[in-house]
Amino acid sequence: MDSPNPVKRVANTIPIFIPLIIRIMSLTWETSITLMVREFGASQKRVYAKPLKWGKRDTVSVIILLLVYLTVIALKLSGFSLYACLKG
């Protein structure tokens, strides 16, 4: 790259720019697909994903998971081992 010859300098930079151009084209393709899916430009109204809201089911799920985790921790601390039970 540090060659004083401009032709060699350009020839040495081509292997760097080819993957860069391919990556830019890939990102452009992904962005265009995303915009088409969200219907930007198709109508005057823009469509966004629905905002997430915490509900009763979320609270119940978290409580159940906490109970399961605490039960497993309590069993492990008390010396219970599933391997010992399966071994016989």
PDB file of N, CA and C in Angstrom:
ATOM      1  N   MET A   1       0.818  -1.188   0.000  1.00  0.00           N
ATOM      2  CA  MET A   1       0.000   0.000   0.000  1.00  0.00           C
ATOM      3  C   MET A   1       0.867   1.260   0.000  1.00  0.00           C
ATOM      4  N   ASP A   2       2.063   1.159   0.547  1.00  0.00           N
ATOM      5  CA  ASP A   2       2.922   2.334   0.658  1.00  0.00           C
ATOM      6  C   ASP A   2       3.821   2.510  -0.559  1.00  0.00           C
ATOM      7  N   SER A   3       3.493   1.837  -1.630  1.00  0.00           N
ATOM      8  CA  SER A   3       4.309   1.922  -2.828  1.00  0.00           C
ATOM      9  C   SER A   3       4.172   3.303  -3.462  1.00  0.00           C
ATOM     10  N   PRO A   4       5.265   3.859  -3.955  1.00  0.00           N
ATOM     11  CA  PRO A   4       5.172   5.164  -4.615  1.00  0.00           C
ATOM     12  C   PRO A   4       4.461   5.070  -5.966  1.00  0.00           C
ATOM     13  N   ASN A   5       4.400   3.882  -6.529  1.00  0.00           N
ATOM     14  CA  ASN A   5       3.751   3.690  -7.823  1.00  0.00           C
ATOM     15  C   ASN A   5       2.232   3.700  -7.640  1.00  0.00           C
ATOM     16  N   PRO A   6       1.496   4.635  -8.269  1.00  0.00           N
ATOM     17  CA  PRO A   6       0.050   4.710  -8.078  1.00  0.00           C
ATOM     18  C   PRO A   6      -0.694   3.476  -8.591  1.00  0.00           C
ATOM     19  N   VAL A   7      -0.192   2.836  -9.615  1.00  0.00           N
ATOM     20  CA  VAL A   7      -0.846   1.641 -10.149  1.00  0.00           C
ATOM     21  C   VAL A   7      -0.754   0.500  -9.138  1.00  0.00           C
ATOM     22  N   LYS A   8       0.391   0.316  -8.531  1.00  0.00           N
ATOM     23  CA  LYS A   8       0.561  -0.717  -7.514  1.00  0.00           C
ATOM     24  C   LYS A   8      -0.284  -0.408  -6.274  1.00  0.00           C
ATOM     25  N   ARG A   9      -0.376   0.881  -5.945  1.00  0.00           N
ATOM     26  CA  ARG A   9      -1.168   1.272  -4.795  1.00  0.00           C
ATOM     27  C   ARG A   9      -2.647   0.909  -5.002  1.00  0.00           C
ATOM     28  N   VAL A  10      -3.162   1.179  -6.202  1.00  0.00           N
ATOM     29  CA  VAL A  10      -4.550   0.832  -6.517  1.00  0.00           C
ATOM     30  C   VAL A  10      -4.717  -0.681  -6.545  1.00  0.00           C
ATOM     31  N   ALA A  11      -3.758  -1.373  -7.126  1.00  0.00           N
ATOM     32  CA  ALA A  11      -3.833  -2.834  -7.199  1.00  0.00           C
ATOM     33  C   ALA A  11      -3.790  -3.460  -5.808  1.00  0.00           C
ATOM     34  N   ASN A  12      -3.076  -2.854  -4.892  1.00  0.00           N
ATOM     35  CA  ASN A  12      -2.993  -3.391  -3.532  1.00  0.00           C
ATOM     36  C   ASN A  12      -4.243  -3.102  -2.706  1.00  0.00           C
ATOM     37  N   THR A  13      -4.996  -2.075  -3.059  1.00  0.00           N
ATOM     38  CA  THR A  13      -6.201  -1.748  -2.299  1.00  0.00           C
ATOM     39  C   THR A  13      -7.440  -2.504  -2.798  1.00  0.00           C
ATOM     40  N   ILE A  14      -7.384  -3.077  -3.967  1.00  0.00           N
ATOM     41  CA  ILE A  14      -8.545  -3.809  -4.503  1.00  0.00           C
ATOM     42  C   ILE A  14      -8.964  -4.962  -3.592  1.00  0.00           C
ATOM     43  N   PRO A  15      -8.049  -5.784  -3.074  1.00  0.00           N
ATOM     44  CA  PRO A  15      -8.486  -6.868  -2.182  1.00  0.00           C
ATOM     45  C   PRO A  15      -9.172  -6.370  -0.909  1.00  0.00           C
ATOM     46  N   ILE A  16      -8.951  -5.133  -0.535  1.00  0.00           N
ATOM     47  CA  ILE A  16      -9.614  -4.578   0.639  1.00  0.00           C
ATOM     48  C   ILE A  16     -11.009  -4.086   0.285  1.00  0.00           C
ATOM     49  N   PHE A  17     -11.153  -3.465  -0.873  1.00  0.00           N
ATOM     50  CA  PHE A  17     -12.421  -2.853  -1.236  1.00  0.00           C
ATOM     51  C   PHE A  17     -13.477  -3.842  -1.721  1.00  0.00           C
ATOM     52  N   ILE A  18     -13.072  -4.958  -2.297  1.00  0.00           N
ATOM     53  CA  ILE A  18     -14.050  -5.932  -2.801  1.00  0.00           C
ATOM     54  C   ILE A  18     -14.925  -6.469  -1.658  1.00  0.00           C
ATOM     55  N   PRO A  19     -14.370  -6.998  -0.555  1.00  0.00           N
ATOM     56  CA  PRO A  19     -15.238  -7.443   0.543  1.00  0.00           C
ATOM     57  C   PRO A  19     -16.050  -6.301   1.160  1.00  0.00           C
ATOM     58  N   LEU A  20     -15.472  -5.107   1.193  1.00  0.00           N
ATOM     59  CA  LEU A  20     -16.183  -3.957   1.727  1.00  0.00           C
ATOM     60  C   LEU A  20     -17.414  -3.629   0.876  1.00  0.00           C
ATOM     61  N   ILE A  21     -17.273  -3.651  -0.427  1.00  0.00           N
ATOM     62  CA  ILE A  21     -18.393  -3.378  -1.323  1.00  0.00           C
ATOM     63  C   ILE A  21     -19.446  -4.465  -1.208  1.00  0.00           C
ATOM     64  N   ILE A  22     -19.029  -5.716  -1.095  1.00  0.00           N
ATOM     65  CA  ILE A  22     -19.983  -6.823  -0.943  1.00  0.00           C
ATOM     66  C   ILE A  22     -20.768  -6.663   0.353  1.00  0.00           C
ATOM     67  N   ARG A  23     -20.096  -6.286   1.432  1.00  0.00           N
ATOM     68  CA  ARG A  23     -20.774  -6.093   2.719  1.00  0.00           C
ATOM     69  C   ARG A  23     -21.754  -4.924   2.658  1.00  0.00           C
ATOM     70  N   ILE A  24     -21.365  -3.841   2.012  1.00  0.00           N
ATOM     71  CA  ILE A  24     -22.257  -2.687   1.872  1.00  0.00           C
ATOM     72  C   ILE A  24     -23.490  -3.063   1.075  1.00  0.00           C
ATOM     73  N   MET A  25     -23.325  -3.836   0.006  1.00  0.00           N
ATOM     74  CA  MET A  25     -24.471  -4.263  -0.796  1.00  0.00           C
ATOM     75  C   MET A  25     -25.390  -5.174   0.016  1.00  0.00           C
ATOM     76  N   SER A  26     -24.824  -6.036   0.842  1.00  0.00           N
ATOM     77  CA  SER A  26     -25.621  -6.924   1.685  1.00  0.00           C
ATOM     78  C   SER A  26     -26.430  -6.121   2.697  1.00  0.00           C
ATOM     79  N   LEU A  27     -25.804  -5.145   3.346  1.00  0.00           N
ATOM     80  CA  LEU A  27     -26.509  -4.306   4.310  1.00  0.00           C
ATOM     81  C   LEU A  27     -27.614  -3.494   3.635  1.00  0.00           C
ATOM     82  N   THR A  28     -27.351  -3.014   2.428  1.00  0.00           N
ATOM     83  CA  THR A  28     -28.360  -2.263   1.689  1.00  0.00           C
ATOM     84  C   THR A  28     -29.552  -3.152   1.367  1.00  0.00           C
ATOM     85  N   TRP A  29     -29.282  -4.388   0.971  1.00  0.00           N
ATOM     86  CA  TRP A  29     -30.357  -5.337   0.659  1.00  0.00           C
ATOM     87  C   TRP A  29     -31.199  -5.622   1.905  1.00  0.00           C
ATOM     88  N   GLU A  30     -30.550  -5.870   3.034  1.00  0.00           N
ATOM     89  CA  GLU A  30     -31.275  -6.147   4.278  1.00  0.00           C
ATOM     90  C   GLU A  30     -32.108  -4.941   4.711  1.00  0.00           C
ATOM     91  N   THR A  31     -31.563  -3.744   4.560  1.00  0.00           N
ATOM     92  CA  THR A  31     -32.303  -2.543   4.925  1.00  0.00           C
ATOM     93  C   THR A  31     -33.515  -2.345   4.029  1.00  0.00           C
ATOM     94  N   SER A  32     -33.362  -2.592   2.741  1.00  0.00           N
ATOM     95  CA  SER A  32     -34.498  -2.426   1.832  1.00  0.00           C
ATOM     96  C   SER A  32     -35.595  -3.440   2.126  1.00  0.00           C
ATOM     97  N   ILE A  33     -35.222  -4.674   2.463  1.00  0.00           N
ATOM     98  CA  ILE A  33     -36.222  -5.688   2.819  1.00  0.00           C
ATOM     99  C   ILE A  33     -36.956  -5.268   4.086  1.00  0.00           C
ATOM    100  N   THR A  34     -36.215  -4.768   5.076  1.00  0.00           N
ATOM    101  CA  THR A  34     -36.831  -4.323   6.329  1.00  0.00           C
ATOM    102  C   THR A  34     -37.820  -3.195   6.074  1.00  0.00           C
ATOM    103  N   LEU A  35     -37.439  -2.242   5.252  1.00  0.00           N
ATOM    104  CA  LEU A  35     -38.333  -1.130   4.962  1.00  0.00           C
ATOM    105  C   LEU A  35     -39.571  -1.591   4.189  1.00  0.00           C
ATOM    106  N   MET A  36     -39.398  -2.561   3.297  1.00  0.00           N
ATOM    107  CA  MET A  36     -40.557  -3.074   2.561  1.00  0.00           C
ATOM    108  C   MET A  36     -41.506  -3.821   3.495  1.00  0.00           C
ATOM    109  N   VAL A  37     -40.957  -4.596   4.431  1.00  0.00           N
ATOM    110  CA  VAL A  37     -41.797  -5.343   5.358  1.00  0.00           C
ATOM    111  C   VAL A  37     -42.598  -4.391   6.241  1.00  0.00           C
ATOM    112  N   ARG A  38     -41.979  -3.308   6.665  1.00  0.00           N
ATOM    113  CA  ARG A  38     -42.669  -2.334   7.525  1.00  0.00           C
ATOM    114  C   ARG A  38     -43.527  -1.355   6.728  1.00  0.00           C
ATOM    115  N   GLU A  39     -43.540  -1.516   5.418  1.00  0.00           N
ATOM    116  CA  GLU A  39     -44.354  -0.722   4.504  1.00  0.00           C
ATOM    117  C   GLU A  39     -44.008   0.756   4.513  1.00  0.00           C
ATOM    118  N   PHE A  40     -42.733   1.092   4.676  1.00  0.00           N
ATOM    119  CA  PHE A  40     -42.325   2.480   4.553  1.00  0.00           C
ATOM    120  C   PHE A  40     -42.373   2.847   3.076  1.00  0.00           C
ATOM    121  N   GLY A  41     -43.062   3.889   2.774  1.00  0.00           N
ATOM    122  CA  GLY A  41     -43.158   4.342   1.392  1.00  0.00           C
ATOM    123  C   GLY A  41     -44.354   3.771   0.657  1.00  0.00           C
ATOM    124  N   ALA A  42     -44.989   2.727   1.156  1.00  0.00           N
ATOM    125  CA  ALA A  42     -46.132   2.141   0.472  1.00  0.00           C
ATOM    126  C   ALA A  42     -47.380   2.984   0.685  1.00  0.00           C
ATOM    127  N   SER A  43     -47.509   3.590   1.837  1.00  0.00           N
ATOM    128  CA  SER A  43     -48.658   4.443   2.130  1.00  0.00           C
ATOM    129  C   SER A  43     -48.187   5.614   2.981  1.00  0.00           C
ATOM    130  N   GLN A  44     -49.108   6.504   3.257  1.00  0.00           N
ATOM    131  CA  GLN A  44     -48.754   7.670   4.068  1.00  0.00           C
ATOM    132  C   GLN A  44     -48.592   7.316   5.541  1.00  0.00           C
ATOM    133  N   LYS A  45     -49.271   6.253   5.995  1.00  0.00           N
ATOM    134  CA  LYS A  45     -49.213   5.846   7.393  1.00  0.00           C
ATOM    135  C   LYS A  45     -48.054   4.871   7.599  1.00  0.00           C
ATOM    136  N   ARG A  46     -47.168   5.162   8.525  1.00  0.00           N
ATOM    137  CA  ARG A  46     -46.046   4.271   8.822  1.00  0.00           C
ATOM    138  C   ARG A  46     -46.479   3.211   9.818  1.00  0.00           C
ATOM    139  N   VAL A  47     -45.957   2.010   9.632  1.00  0.00           N
ATOM    140  CA  VAL A  47     -46.322   0.889  10.491  1.00  0.00           C
ATOM    141  C   VAL A  47     -45.124   0.545  11.364  1.00  0.00           C
ATOM    142  N   TYR A  48     -45.350   0.480  12.663  1.00  0.00           N
ATOM    143  CA  TYR A  48     -44.303   0.108  13.609  1.00  0.00           C
ATOM    144  C   TYR A  48     -44.742  -1.137  14.371  1.00  0.00           C
ATOM    145  N   ALA A  49     -43.798  -1.778  15.024  1.00  0.00           N
ATOM    146  CA  ALA A  49     -44.128  -2.921  15.865  1.00  0.00           C
ATOM    147  C   ALA A  49     -44.920  -2.436  17.072  1.00  0.00           C
ATOM    148  N   LYS A  50     -45.767  -3.298  17.592  1.00  0.00           N
ATOM    149  CA  LYS A  50     -46.567  -2.926  18.760  1.00  0.00           C
ATOM    150  C   LYS A  50     -45.658  -2.787  19.980  1.00  0.00           C
ATOM    151  N   PRO A  51     -45.892  -1.795  20.823  1.00  0.00           N
ATOM    152  CA  PRO A  51     -45.074  -1.659  22.036  1.00  0.00           C
ATOM    153  C   PRO A  51     -45.387  -2.794  23.015  1.00  0.00           C
ATOM    154  N   LEU A  52     -44.370  -3.260  23.697  1.00  0.00           N
ATOM    155  CA  LEU A  52     -44.549  -4.342  24.651  1.00  0.00           C
ATOM    156  C   LEU A  52     -45.144  -3.796  25.941  1.00  0.00           C
ATOM    157  N   LYS A  53     -46.080  -4.545  26.512  1.00  0.00           N
ATOM    158  CA  LYS A  53     -46.703  -4.159  27.776  1.00  0.00           C
ATOM    159  C   LYS A  53     -46.622  -5.341  28.735  1.00  0.00           C
ATOM    160  N   TRP A  54     -46.347  -5.039  29.996  1.00  0.00           N
ATOM    161  CA  TRP A  54     -46.268  -6.064  31.035  1.00  0.00           C
ATOM    162  C   TRP A  54     -47.687  -6.406  31.466  1.00  0.00           C
ATOM    163  N   GLY A  55     -48.022  -7.718  31.463  1.00  0.00           N
ATOM    164  CA  GLY A  55     -49.366  -8.140  31.817  1.00  0.00           C
ATOM    165  C   GLY A  55     -49.371  -9.127  32.971  1.00  0.00           C
ATOM    166  N   LYS A  56     -50.571  -9.601  33.299  1.00  0.00           N
ATOM    167  CA  LYS A  56     -50.727 -10.567  34.397  1.00  0.00           C
ATOM    168  C   LYS A  56     -50.016 -11.874  34.076  1.00  0.00           C
ATOM    169  N   ARG A  57     -50.095 -12.295  32.822  1.00  0.00           N
ATOM    170  CA  ARG A  57     -49.437 -13.554  32.440  1.00  0.00           C
ATOM    171  C   ARG A  57     -47.932 -13.469  32.619  1.00  0.00           C
ATOM    172  N   ASP A  58     -47.352 -12.303  32.353  1.00  0.00           N
ATOM    173  CA  ASP A  58     -45.913 -12.119  32.545  1.00  0.00           C
ATOM    174  C   ASP A  58     -45.547 -12.239  34.021  1.00  0.00           C
ATOM    175  N   THR A  59     -46.346 -11.628  34.876  1.00  0.00           N
ATOM    176  CA  THR A  59     -46.095 -11.692  36.312  1.00  0.00           C
ATOM    177  C   THR A  59     -46.196 -13.128  36.816  1.00  0.00           C
ATOM    178  N   VAL A  60     -47.230 -13.857  36.396  1.00  0.00           N
ATOM    179  CA  VAL A  60     -47.404 -15.252  36.808  1.00  0.00           C
ATOM    180  C   VAL A  60     -46.225 -16.092  36.320  1.00  0.00           C
ATOM    181  N   SER A  61     -45.786 -15.867  35.085  1.00  0.00           N
ATOM    182  CA  SER A  61     -44.657 -16.629  34.537  1.00  0.00           C
ATOM    183  C   SER A  61     -43.385 -16.388  35.335  1.00  0.00           C
ATOM    184  N   VAL A  62     -43.131 -15.142  35.692  1.00  0.00           N
ATOM    185  CA  VAL A  62     -41.917 -14.817  36.469  1.00  0.00           C
ATOM    186  C   VAL A  62     -41.986 -15.459  37.848  1.00  0.00           C
ATOM    187  N   ILE A  63     -43.149 -15.428  38.481  1.00  0.00           N
ATOM    188  CA  ILE A  63     -43.298 -16.040  39.804  1.00  0.00           C
ATOM    189  C   ILE A  63     -43.078 -17.543  39.732  1.00  0.00           C
ATOM    190  N   ILE A  64     -43.641 -18.202  38.718  1.00  0.00           N
ATOM    191  CA  ILE A  64     -43.461 -19.653  38.563  1.00  0.00           C
ATOM    192  C   ILE A  64     -41.991 -19.985  38.330  1.00  0.00           C
ATOM    193  N   LEU A  65     -41.327 -19.222  37.468  1.00  0.00           N
ATOM    194  CA  LEU A  65     -39.903 -19.479  37.211  1.00  0.00           C
ATOM    195  C   LEU A  65     -39.068 -19.269  38.466  1.00  0.00           C
ATOM    196  N   LEU A  66     -39.363 -18.227  39.234  1.00  0.00           N
ATOM    197  CA  LEU A  66     -38.628 -18.005  40.479  1.00  0.00           C
ATOM    198  C   LEU A  66     -38.830 -19.153  41.459  1.00  0.00           C
ATOM    199  N   LEU A  67     -40.067 -19.658  41.567  1.00  0.00           N
ATOM    200  CA  LEU A  67     -40.325 -20.789  42.453  1.00  0.00           C
ATOM    201  C   LEU A  67     -39.565 -22.033  42.004  1.00  0.00           C
ATOM    202  N   VAL A  68     -39.535 -22.285  40.700  1.00  0.00           N
ATOM    203  CA  VAL A  68     -38.794 -23.445  40.193  1.00  0.00           C
ATOM    204  C   VAL A  68     -37.309 -23.300  40.502  1.00  0.00           C
ATOM    205  N   TYR A  69     -36.738 -22.123  40.217  1.00  0.00           N
ATOM    206  CA  TYR A  69     -35.316 -21.903  40.480  1.00  0.00           C
ATOM    207  C   TYR A  69     -34.993 -22.022  41.963  1.00  0.00           C
ATOM    208  N   LEU A  70     -35.818 -21.438  42.804  1.00  0.00           N
ATOM    209  CA  LEU A  70     -35.570 -21.515  44.249  1.00  0.00           C
ATOM    210  C   LEU A  70     -35.691 -22.951  44.760  1.00  0.00           C
ATOM    211  N   THR A  71     -36.628 -23.728  44.184  1.00  0.00           N
ATOM    212  CA  THR A  71     -36.762 -25.138  44.565  1.00  0.00           C
ATOM    213  C   THR A  71     -35.518 -25.923  44.180  1.00  0.00           C
ATOM    214  N   VAL A  72     -35.023 -25.699  42.987  1.00  0.00           N
ATOM    215  CA  VAL A  72     -33.816 -26.406  42.537  1.00  0.00           C
ATOM    216  C   VAL A  72     -32.625 -26.026  43.419  1.00  0.00           C
ATOM    217  N   ILE A  73     -32.489 -24.747  43.729  1.00  0.00           N
ATOM    218  CA  ILE A  73     -31.379 -24.308  44.589  1.00  0.00           C
ATOM    219  C   ILE A  73     -31.501 -24.924  45.979  1.00  0.00           C
ATOM    220  N   ALA A  74     -32.720 -24.948  46.528  1.00  0.00           N
ATOM    221  CA  ALA A  74     -32.920 -25.532  47.859  1.00  0.00           C
ATOM    222  C   ALA A  74     -32.597 -27.018  47.858  1.00  0.00           C
ATOM    223  N   LEU A  75     -32.997 -27.727  46.813  1.00  0.00           N
ATOM    224  CA  LEU A  75     -32.693 -29.161  46.729  1.00  0.00           C
ATOM    225  C   LEU A  75     -31.191 -29.405  46.621  1.00  0.00           C
ATOM    226  N   LYS A  76     -30.497 -28.590  45.827  1.00  0.00           N
ATOM    227  CA  LYS A  76     -29.056 -28.758  45.692  1.00  0.00           C
ATOM    228  C   LYS A  76     -28.335 -28.451  47.005  1.00  0.00           C
ATOM    229  N   LEU A  77     -28.782 -27.413  47.710  1.00  0.00           N
ATOM    230  CA  LEU A  77     -28.144 -27.065  48.977  1.00  0.00           C
ATOM    231  C   LEU A  77     -28.413 -28.104  50.063  1.00  0.00           C
ATOM    232  N   SER A  78     -29.545 -28.809  49.957  1.00  0.00           N
ATOM    233  CA  SER A  78     -29.857 -29.830  50.960  1.00  0.00           C
ATOM    234  C   SER A  78     -29.157 -31.158  50.667  1.00  0.00           C
ATOM    235  N   GLY A  79     -28.453 -31.237  49.546  1.00  0.00           N
ATOM    236  CA  GLY A  79     -27.692 -32.444  49.245  1.00  0.00           C
ATOM    237  C   GLY A  79     -28.354 -33.364  48.238  1.00  0.00           C
ATOM    238  N   PHE A  80     -29.490 -33.021  47.714  1.00  0.00           N
ATOM    239  CA  PHE A  80     -30.167 -33.868  46.726  1.00  0.00           C
ATOM    240  C   PHE A  80     -29.373 -33.879  45.431  1.00  0.00           C
ATOM    241  N   SER A  81     -29.246 -35.063  44.866  1.00  0.00           N
ATOM    242  CA  SER A  81     -28.547 -35.212  43.602  1.00  0.00           C
ATOM    243  C   SER A  81     -29.319 -36.140  42.707  1.00  0.00           C
ATOM    244  N   LEU A  82     -29.676 -35.694  41.541  1.00  0.00           N
ATOM    245  CA  LEU A  82     -30.413 -36.531  40.588  1.00  0.00           C
ATOM    246  C   LEU A  82     -29.543 -37.680  40.111  1.00  0.00           C
ATOM    247  N   TYR A  83     -28.250 -37.438  40.023  1.00  0.00           N
ATOM    248  CA  TYR A  83     -27.324 -38.496  39.605  1.00  0.00           C
ATOM    249  C   TYR A  83     -27.329 -39.652  40.605  1.00  0.00           C
ATOM    250  N   ALA A  84     -27.354 -39.333  41.906  1.00  0.00           N
ATOM    251  CA  ALA A  84     -27.368 -40.383  42.924  1.00  0.00           C
ATOM    252  C   ALA A  84     -28.675 -41.157  42.865  1.00  0.00           C
ATOM    253  N   CYS A  85     -29.789 -40.494  42.559  1.00  0.00           N
ATOM    254  CA  CYS A  85     -31.087 -41.186  42.469  1.00  0.00           C
ATOM    255  C   CYS A  85     -31.136 -42.106  41.256  1.00  0.00           C
ATOM    256  N   LEU A  86     -30.563 -41.703  40.155  1.00  0.00           N
ATOM    257  CA  LEU A  86     -30.584 -42.512  38.936  1.00  0.00           C
ATOM    258  C   LEU A  86     -29.605 -43.671  39.029  1.00  0.00           C
ATOM    259  N   LYS A  87     -28.535 -43.490  39.758  1.00  0.00           N
ATOM    260  CA  LYS A  87     -27.509 -44.519  39.877  1.00  0.00           C
ATOM    261  C   LYS A  87     -28.018 -45.732  40.623  1.00  0.00           C
ATOM    262  N   GLY A  88     -28.943 -45.511  41.535  1.00  0.00           N
ATOM    263  CA  GLY A  88     -29.536 -46.665  42.169  1.00  0.00           C
ATOM    264  C   GLY A  88     -29.230 -46.755  43.563  1.00  0.00           C
TER     265      GLY A  88
END
